[in-house]
Protein backbone atom coordinates (compact mmCIF):
# COMPACT_ATOMS: atom_id res chain seq x y z
CA MET A 1 81.66 114.30 118.61
CA ARG A 2 79.30 112.71 115.62
CA THR A 3 78.59 108.81 113.54
CA VAL A 4 78.99 109.36 110.57
CA GLN A 5 77.97 106.32 108.07
CA LEU A 6 80.15 106.28 104.20
CA THR A 7 80.42 104.11 101.37
CA LEU A 8 84.16 103.94 100.47
CA GLU A 9 85.35 101.32 98.31
CA ASP A 10 86.99 98.41 99.21
CA ASP A 11 90.39 99.60 98.17
CA LEU A 12 90.32 102.23 99.49
CA VAL A 13 89.41 100.80 102.51
CA THR A 14 92.58 98.63 102.68
CA ALA A 15 95.15 101.76 101.81
CA VAL A 16 93.76 104.09 104.51
CA ASP A 17 93.16 101.13 107.17
CA ARG A 18 97.28 99.94 105.93
CA VAL A 19 98.98 104.14 106.27
CA ALA A 20 95.97 104.84 109.34
CA GLY A 21 98.19 101.81 110.62
CA GLN A 22 101.25 103.25 109.76
CA HIS A 23 101.27 106.36 111.48
CA ARG A 24 99.69 104.60 114.06
CA GLN A 25 95.97 106.30 113.80
CA SER A 26 91.96 104.96 113.43
CA ARG A 27 90.54 104.64 110.73
CA SER A 28 88.64 107.62 111.74
CA ALA A 29 91.53 109.83 113.06
CA PHE A 30 92.75 109.54 109.98
CA THR A 31 89.78 110.22 108.20
CA ARG A 32 88.94 113.56 109.95
CA ASP A 33 92.79 114.45 109.14
CA ALA A 34 92.01 114.07 105.18
CA LEU A 35 89.50 115.71 105.96
CA ARG A 36 90.47 118.79 107.33
CA ALA A 37 93.22 118.27 104.62
CA ALA A 38 90.62 118.21 102.18
CA LEU A 39 88.80 121.72 103.54
CA ALA A 40 91.77 123.64 103.67
CA LYS A 41 92.65 123.14 100.03
CA LEU A 42 89.83 123.94 99.37
CA GLU A 43 89.86 127.10 101.12
CA VAL A 44 93.58 128.10 99.87
CA GLN A 45 91.96 127.65 95.74
CA ALA A 46 89.20 130.10 96.41
CA LEU A 47 91.74 132.26 98.20
CA GLU A 48 93.76 132.02 95.48
CA GLN A 49 90.60 132.00 92.51
CA GLN A 50 89.79 135.28 94.58
CA HIS A 51 93.21 136.69 94.57
CA ARG A 52 93.68 135.62 90.42
CA GLU A 53 90.21 137.72 89.90
CA GLY A 54 91.01 140.94 91.55
CA TYR A 55 93.66 140.97 89.94
CA LEU A 56 91.81 140.45 86.28
CA ARG A 57 90.28 142.97 87.37
CA GLN A 58 92.90 145.96 88.32
CA PRO A 59 95.51 144.78 86.88
CA VAL A 60 99.08 145.93 87.64
CA SER A 61 100.01 149.85 86.36
CA SER A 62 103.49 150.13 84.90
CA GLY A 63 105.92 150.91 87.96
CA GLU A 64 103.59 149.64 90.45
CA PHE A 65 106.12 148.51 92.16
CA SER A 66 109.32 150.24 91.20
CA ASP A 67 109.81 151.93 94.17
CA PHE A 68 110.79 148.34 95.92
CA GLU A 69 112.85 147.19 93.02
CA ASP A 70 116.10 148.06 95.34
CA GLU A 71 114.79 146.58 98.54
CA GLN A 72 114.62 143.18 95.89
CA THR A 73 118.44 143.47 95.38
CA TRP A 74 120.81 140.60 97.34
CA ILE A 75 123.38 141.27 98.62
CA ASP A 76 126.48 138.90 98.41
């Protein structure tokens, strides 16, 4: 593990310390978790963008999924 120095606004440090304390975490542990979550969110956004671009390049054709319509019917 490496030590990294960050410059943060005082109010952000205060908020992080408060929340980290509520979760019984150190400031560093909370920050690591937050950075991992931010990176995961960006990865999901990139995959969703690729998905959108794929459908723009090759849109769903009429009737493409009609074979599966009966499978989507809920029986009460």
